[in-house]
């Protein structure tokens, strides 16, 4: 029955996530903020709601720090791997040749946030704290806010993406788009609330370590909105919306650790996590490096290729990281 409920939650997240790409694209047009910015901030925050509510319940209700840390880092890892999906469903052109160079700014901030989390995992109980909240928490929040500010300035002054958007949603009002977006988000949140409990039960029933369950199973379901948005965005030709969503979700997910740290009352949550999460953090850095190389080199598909070398490298690095977490668990 546990697996059945797990699959039902996954189905609900998939169905709601498919609507987020459409309404996100509509909001990008209606607000004039552009696909990259809407993807980075609004769509990213929405598709990360499963991770947020999973983190809240895992830290405050079920008190399973390895589930929340594994879920967050596993979701970040999967977000970067999902960039390769844009190649598989995005037509003849590779994702790197369609993406804006401005995504390097978001990737850089994501790498900084991951580095902060990695250092905290390395030092463990030695993390300085006040009232049970680790020093990592305010640092993560400040870096994230700075990333949003600088990304907004970059989009406004350098890319001016909003001015280039073609008006294709004339029949849909801003209010209708907002309502549809809110309803889809509500379904995602409802399904996400039960994921920590289901993840813990799967760990008990299978004998698999909680760290691996969080890194793979829970993160897989909570990242389904990002996956469905990525596929839908690729099919609409909105590559920047898809990549902005994945990179923005990566950053937002790491800030969820700050929320979990505040709610977890037994000390800094990164100090309490005992799994091999540092391996996942290092894998995230590896995938980010591959993404930046692909974004800079911009290799087109040739012949019958369905994906470039950068996409293959992203998938391989993801699989290797999971294998290392499993073997070291």
Protein backbone atom coordinates (compact mmCIF):
# COMPACT_ATOMS: atom_id res chain seq x y z
CA UNK A 1 0.00 0.00 0.00
CA UNK A 2 2.90 2.36 0.69
CA UNK A 3 4.10 2.10 -2.88
CA UNK A 4 0.55 2.62 -4.16
CA UNK A 5 0.17 5.88 -2.25
CA UNK A 6 3.65 6.88 -3.40
CA UNK A 7 2.64 6.35 -7.03
CA UNK A 8 -0.65 8.20 -6.55
CA UNK A 9 1.25 11.19 -5.16
CA UNK A 10 3.56 11.02 -8.19
CA UNK A 11 0.60 10.98 -10.59
CA UNK A 12 -0.94 14.03 -8.92
CA UNK A 13 2.30 15.96 -9.13
CA UNK A 14 2.76 15.08 -12.82
CA UNK A 15 -0.74 16.19 -13.79
CA UNK A 16 -0.44 19.49 -11.95
CA UNK A 17 3.11 20.10 -13.15
CA UNK A 18 2.06 19.87 -16.79
CA UNK A 19 -0.14 22.92 -16.32
CA UNK A 20 2.61 24.99 -14.72
CA UNK A 21 4.63 25.30 -17.94
CA UNK A 22 1.63 26.57 -19.87
CA UNK A 23 0.51 29.08 -17.27
CA UNK A 24 4.11 30.08 -16.58
CA UNK A 25 4.58 30.93 -20.25
CA UNK A 26 1.33 32.89 -20.24
CA UNK A 27 2.39 34.85 -17.16
CA UNK A 28 5.76 35.59 -18.78
CA UNK A 29 3.89 37.19 -21.67
CA UNK A 30 1.21 38.98 -19.63
CA UNK A 31 3.59 40.45 -17.04
CA UNK A 32 6.34 41.32 -19.52
CA UNK A 33 9.02 39.84 -17.25
CA UNK A 34 10.27 37.27 -19.76
CA UNK A 35 10.69 33.51 -19.73
CA UNK A 36 14.10 33.36 -18.04
CA UNK A 37 13.00 35.50 -15.08
CA UNK A 38 9.59 33.84 -14.71
CA UNK A 39 11.26 30.43 -14.90
CA UNK A 40 13.99 31.36 -12.43
CA UNK A 41 11.69 32.86 -9.79
CA UNK A 42 7.97 32.11 -10.11
CA UNK A 43 7.95 28.72 -11.84
CA UNK A 44 10.99 27.56 -9.87
CA UNK A 45 9.39 28.45 -6.54
CA UNK A 46 6.14 26.77 -7.56
CA UNK A 47 7.71 23.55 -8.81
CA UNK A 48 9.83 23.46 -5.65
CA UNK A 49 6.74 23.51 -3.41
CA UNK A 50 6.92 19.71 -3.01
CA UNK A 51 10.47 20.01 -1.68
CA UNK A 52 9.43 22.90 0.57
CA UNK A 53 6.47 21.14 2.18
CA UNK A 54 8.35 17.87 2.31
CA UNK A 55 11.11 19.73 4.13
CA UNK A 56 8.69 21.34 6.56
CA UNK A 57 7.02 18.06 7.48
CA UNK A 58 10.30 16.10 7.53
CA UNK A 59 11.92 18.53 9.96
CA UNK A 60 8.99 19.67 12.12
CA UNK A 61 6.61 16.69 12.15
CA UNK A 62 8.39 13.44 11.31
CA UNK A 63 11.89 14.63 12.39
CA UNK A 64 13.88 12.75 9.73
CA UNK A 65 16.83 15.01 8.83
CA UNK A 66 18.37 12.53 6.39
CA UNK A 67 15.13 12.51 4.38
CA UNK A 68 14.98 16.30 4.02
CA UNK A 69 18.70 16.73 3.24
CA UNK A 70 18.70 13.76 0.87
CA UNK A 71 15.52 15.00 -0.81
CA UNK A 72 16.82 18.54 -1.29
CA UNK A 73 20.25 17.57 -2.61
CA UNK A 74 18.83 14.72 -4.67
CA UNK A 75 16.33 17.12 -6.23
CA UNK A 76 19.11 19.61 -7.04
CA UNK A 77 21.12 16.83 -8.66
CA UNK A 78 18.13 15.69 -10.71
CA UNK A 79 17.27 19.25 -11.74
CA UNK A 80 20.64 19.61 -13.44
CA UNK A 81 20.35 16.20 -15.09
CA UNK A 82 16.91 17.17 -16.43
CA UNK A 83 18.51 19.87 -18.57
CA UNK A 84 19.48 17.02 -20.86
CA UNK A 85 15.80 16.21 -21.38
CA UNK A 86 15.55 19.41 -23.40
CA UNK A 87 17.73 17.71 -26.01
CA UNK A 88 15.60 14.58 -26.16
CA UNK A 89 12.26 16.33 -26.73
CA UNK A 90 13.30 19.75 -27.98
CA UNK A 91 13.62 19.10 -31.70
CA UNK A 92 16.61 19.36 -34.01
CA UNK A 93 18.50 22.09 -32.13
CA UNK A 94 20.42 21.33 -28.94
CA UNK A 95 19.47 23.02 -25.68
CA UNK A 96 22.85 24.76 -25.46
CA UNK A 97 22.34 26.52 -28.80
CA UNK A 98 18.93 27.85 -27.78
CA UNK A 99 19.66 28.85 -24.19
CA UNK A 100 20.54 32.35 -23.09
CA UNK A 101 24.11 32.87 -21.90
CA UNK A 102 22.64 34.63 -18.87
CA UNK A 103 21.88 31.25 -17.29
CA UNK A 104 25.56 31.07 -16.34
CA UNK A 105 24.85 33.70 -13.67
CA UNK A 106 22.18 31.53 -12.06
CA UNK A 107 24.39 28.43 -12.31
CA UNK A 108 27.23 30.30 -10.62
CA UNK A 109 25.04 31.27 -7.69
CA UNK A 110 23.73 27.72 -7.46
CA UNK A 111 27.29 26.48 -7.25
CA UNK A 112 28.07 28.97 -4.45
CA UNK A 113 25.01 27.84 -2.48
CA UNK A 114 25.97 24.21 -2.96
CA UNK A 115 29.47 24.96 -1.75
CA UNK A 116 28.11 26.50 1.45
CA UNK A 117 25.96 23.42 2.07
CA UNK A 118 28.89 21.11 1.29
CA UNK A 119 31.16 22.86 3.79
CA UNK A 120 28.46 22.62 6.44
CA UNK A 121 28.04 18.90 5.80
CA UNK A 122 31.80 18.43 6.03
CA UNK A 123 32.12 20.19 9.40
CA UNK A 124 28.93 18.59 10.77
CA UNK A 125 28.43 19.25 14.48
CA UNK A 126 31.15 21.90 14.43
CA UNK A 127 28.84 24.31 12.57
CA UNK A 128 28.44 27.49 14.67
CA UNK A 129 24.84 27.91 15.80
CA UNK A 130 22.57 30.18 17.81
CA UNK A 131 19.35 28.92 19.44
CA UNK A 132 19.70 25.70 17.48
CA UNK A 133 19.96 27.45 14.10
CA UNK A 134 23.20 26.98 12.20
CA UNK A 135 25.22 29.81 10.71
CA UNK A 136 24.58 28.25 7.31
CA UNK A 137 20.91 29.30 7.39
CA UNK A 138 21.27 33.12 7.17
CA UNK A 139 24.15 32.73 4.71
CA UNK A 140 21.98 30.65 2.35
CA UNK A 141 19.11 33.14 2.52
CA UNK A 142 21.33 36.17 1.88
CA UNK A 143 23.07 34.55 -1.10
CA UNK A 144 19.73 33.52 -2.59
CA UNK A 145 18.29 37.04 -2.28
CA UNK A 146 21.44 38.47 -3.86
CA UNK A 147 21.11 35.98 -6.72
CA UNK A 148 17.52 37.05 -7.40
CA UNK A 149 18.47 40.72 -7.34
CA UNK A 150 21.43 40.42 -9.69
CA UNK A 151 19.53 38.10 -12.02
CA UNK A 152 16.72 40.64 -12.28
CA UNK A 153 19.16 43.45 -13.05
CA UNK A 154 20.86 41.30 -15.67
CA UNK A 155 17.58 40.43 -17.38
CA UNK A 156 16.42 44.04 -17.34
CA UNK A 157 19.60 45.74 -18.52
CA UNK A 158 21.33 43.17 -20.71
CA UNK A 159 18.84 40.73 -22.21
CA UNK A 160 15.62 42.79 -22.32
CA UNK A 161 13.83 39.53 -22.95
CA UNK A 162 10.38 40.84 -22.19
CA UNK A 163 10.43 43.17 -25.20
CA UNK A 164 11.11 40.24 -27.53
CA UNK A 165 8.24 38.01 -26.45
CA UNK A 166 5.73 37.23 -29.16
CA UNK A 167 2.13 37.74 -28.09
CA UNK A 168 0.50 34.32 -28.51
CA UNK A 169 -1.91 34.12 -25.55
CA UNK A 170 -4.30 36.92 -26.43
CA UNK A 171 -7.36 34.90 -25.42
CA UNK A 172 -6.14 34.23 -21.88
CA UNK A 173 -6.25 37.02 -19.31
CA UNK A 174 -3.71 37.59 -16.56
CA UNK A 175 -6.37 36.73 -13.98
CA UNK A 176 -7.21 33.43 -15.65
CA UNK A 177 -3.55 32.49 -15.80
CA UNK A 178 -3.07 33.35 -12.13
CA UNK A 179 -6.06 31.26 -11.07
CA UNK A 180 -4.93 28.27 -13.12
CA UNK A 181 -1.43 28.56 -11.74
CA UNK A 182 -2.71 28.67 -8.16
CA UNK A 183 -4.92 25.60 -8.59
CA UNK A 184 -2.08 23.57 -10.06
CA UNK A 185 0.19 24.61 -7.23
CA UNK A 186 -2.42 23.55 -4.65
CA UNK A 187 -2.48 20.01 -6.07
CA UNK A 188 1.31 19.82 -5.95
CA UNK A 189 1.42 20.98 -2.33
CA UNK A 190 -1.27 18.53 -1.19
CA UNK A 191 0.57 15.56 -2.69
CA UNK A 192 3.90 16.70 -1.25
CA UNK A 193 2.81 16.86 2.39
CA UNK A 194 2.76 13.06 2.72
CA UNK A 195 6.04 12.32 0.95
CA UNK A 196 8.37 12.29 4.01
CA UNK A 197 6.14 9.76 5.78
CA UNK A 198 5.93 7.57 2.68
CA UNK A 199 9.69 7.82 2.16
CA UNK A 200 10.36 6.76 5.75
CA UNK A 201 7.95 3.82 5.41
CA UNK A 202 9.65 2.68 2.20
CA UNK A 203 13.00 2.82 3.97
CA UNK A 204 11.61 0.65 6.79
CA UNK A 205 9.94 -1.86 4.47
CA UNK A 206 12.88 -2.27 2.10
CA UNK A 207 15.77 -1.86 4.54
CA UNK A 208 17.24 0.88 2.34
CA UNK A 209 19.00 3.72 4.15
CA UNK A 210 16.97 6.91 4.59
CA UNK A 211 19.70 8.97 2.93
CA UNK A 212 19.36 6.97 -0.29
CA UNK A 213 15.55 6.96 -0.11
CA UNK A 214 15.58 10.75 0.19
CA UNK A 215 18.21 11.16 -2.53
CA UNK A 216 16.43 8.94 -5.07
CA UNK A 217 12.79 8.07 -4.36
CA UNK A 218 11.46 11.18 -2.58
CA UNK A 219 13.52 13.57 -4.71
CA UNK A 220 12.29 11.80 -7.86
CA UNK A 221 8.65 12.48 -6.99
CA UNK A 222 9.18 16.01 -5.69
CA UNK A 223 11.12 16.86 -8.85
CA UNK A 224 8.38 15.62 -11.15
CA UNK A 225 6.96 19.18 -11.59
CA UNK A 226 10.36 20.36 -12.84
CA UNK A 227 10.50 17.38 -15.18
CA UNK A 228 7.04 17.94 -16.61
CA UNK A 229 7.64 21.68 -16.96
CA UNK A 230 10.92 20.94 -18.74
CA UNK A 231 9.26 18.60 -21.25
CA UNK A 232 6.36 20.99 -21.85
CA UNK A 233 8.68 23.98 -22.22
CA UNK A 234 10.85 22.12 -24.74
CA UNK A 235 7.81 21.21 -26.83
CA UNK A 236 6.65 24.85 -26.78
CA UNK A 237 10.10 26.03 -27.83
CA UNK A 238 10.51 27.84 -24.50
CA UNK A 239 13.97 26.50 -23.63
CA UNK A 240 14.84 29.50 -21.45
CA UNK A 241 11.70 28.92 -19.37
CA UNK A 242 12.69 25.29 -18.84
CA UNK A 243 16.31 25.98 -17.94
CA UNK A 244 15.38 28.97 -15.78
CA UNK A 245 12.97 26.74 -13.88
CA UNK A 246 15.56 24.01 -13.30
CA UNK A 247 18.31 26.39 -12.17
CA UNK A 248 15.92 28.45 -10.06
CA UNK A 249 14.58 25.29 -8.40
CA UNK A 250 18.14 24.23 -7.64
CA UNK A 251 18.77 27.48 -5.75
CA UNK A 252 15.36 27.54 -4.08
CA UNK A 253 15.77 23.96 -2.92
CA UNK A 254 18.97 24.80 -1.07
CA UNK A 255 17.19 27.61 0.76
CA UNK A 256 14.65 24.99 1.88
CA UNK A 257 17.46 23.62 4.05
CA UNK A 258 17.42 26.97 5.87
CA UNK A 259 13.67 26.60 6.49
CA UNK A 260 14.20 23.06 7.71
CA UNK A 261 17.00 24.21 10.01
CA UNK A 262 14.71 26.77 11.67
CA UNK A 263 11.98 24.17 12.23
CA UNK A 264 14.31 21.37 13.32
CA UNK A 265 14.78 21.98 17.06
CA UNK A 266 17.52 19.48 17.84
CA UNK A 267 20.40 21.59 16.51
CA UNK A 268 21.66 22.51 13.00
CA UNK A 269 19.97 20.13 10.56
CA UNK A 270 23.07 19.78 8.39
CA UNK A 271 24.99 18.68 11.47
CA UNK A 272 22.33 16.06 12.23
CA UNK A 273 22.30 14.54 8.73
CA UNK A 274 24.40 11.37 8.85
CA UNK A 275 24.07 10.06 5.31
CA UNK A 276 26.56 10.43 2.49
CA UNK A 277 25.06 13.72 1.38
CA UNK A 278 28.47 15.25 0.75
CA UNK A 279 28.81 12.88 -2.22
CA UNK A 280 25.58 14.28 -3.66
CA UNK A 281 26.81 17.86 -3.14
CA UNK A 282 30.00 17.03 -5.05
CA UNK A 283 27.92 15.44 -7.81
CA UNK A 284 25.90 18.65 -8.10
CA UNK A 285 29.12 20.57 -8.63
CA UNK A 286 30.15 18.11 -11.33
CA UNK A 287 26.85 18.45 -13.22
CA UNK A 288 27.00 22.23 -12.94
CA UNK A 289 30.46 22.20 -14.52
CA UNK A 290 29.17 20.08 -17.41
CA UNK A 291 26.23 22.47 -17.88
CA UNK A 292 28.51 25.53 -18.00
CA UNK A 293 30.84 23.87 -20.51
CA UNK A 294 27.88 22.94 -22.73
CA UNK A 295 26.39 26.43 -22.43
CA UNK A 296 29.70 27.99 -23.47
CA UNK A 297 30.69 25.57 -26.24
CA UNK A 298 27.16 25.39 -27.74
CA UNK A 299 27.46 22.24 -29.85
CA UNK A 300 24.72 21.63 -32.40
CA UNK A 301 23.27 18.18 -33.03
CA UNK A 302 24.67 16.53 -36.13
CA UNK A 303 23.25 13.82 -38.36
CA UNK A 304 20.90 11.46 -36.55
CA UNK A 305 21.97 12.50 -33.05
CA UNK A 306 19.12 12.96 -30.58
CA UNK A 307 21.40 14.45 -27.93
CA UNK A 308 24.78 16.12 -27.65
CA UNK A 309 27.78 14.98 -25.66
CA UNK A 310 26.90 17.43 -22.87
CA UNK A 311 23.50 15.78 -22.37
CA UNK A 312 25.09 12.32 -22.27
CA UNK A 313 27.62 13.60 -19.74
CA UNK A 314 24.87 15.03 -17.52
CA UNK A 315 23.01 11.71 -17.44
CA UNK A 316 26.20 9.74 -16.82
CA UNK A 317 27.32 12.01 -13.97
CA UNK A 318 23.87 11.71 -12.37
CA UNK A 319 23.96 7.90 -12.54
CA UNK A 320 27.51 7.72 -11.16
CA UNK A 321 26.63 10.00 -8.25
CA UNK A 322 23.62 7.86 -7.31
CA UNK A 323 25.76 4.73 -7.54
CA UNK A 324 28.32 6.25 -5.17
CA UNK A 325 25.64 7.27 -2.66
CA UNK A 326 24.26 3.72 -2.80
CA UNK A 327 27.62 1.93 -2.40
CA UNK A 328 28.79 4.23 0.39
CA UNK A 329 25.44 4.06 2.23
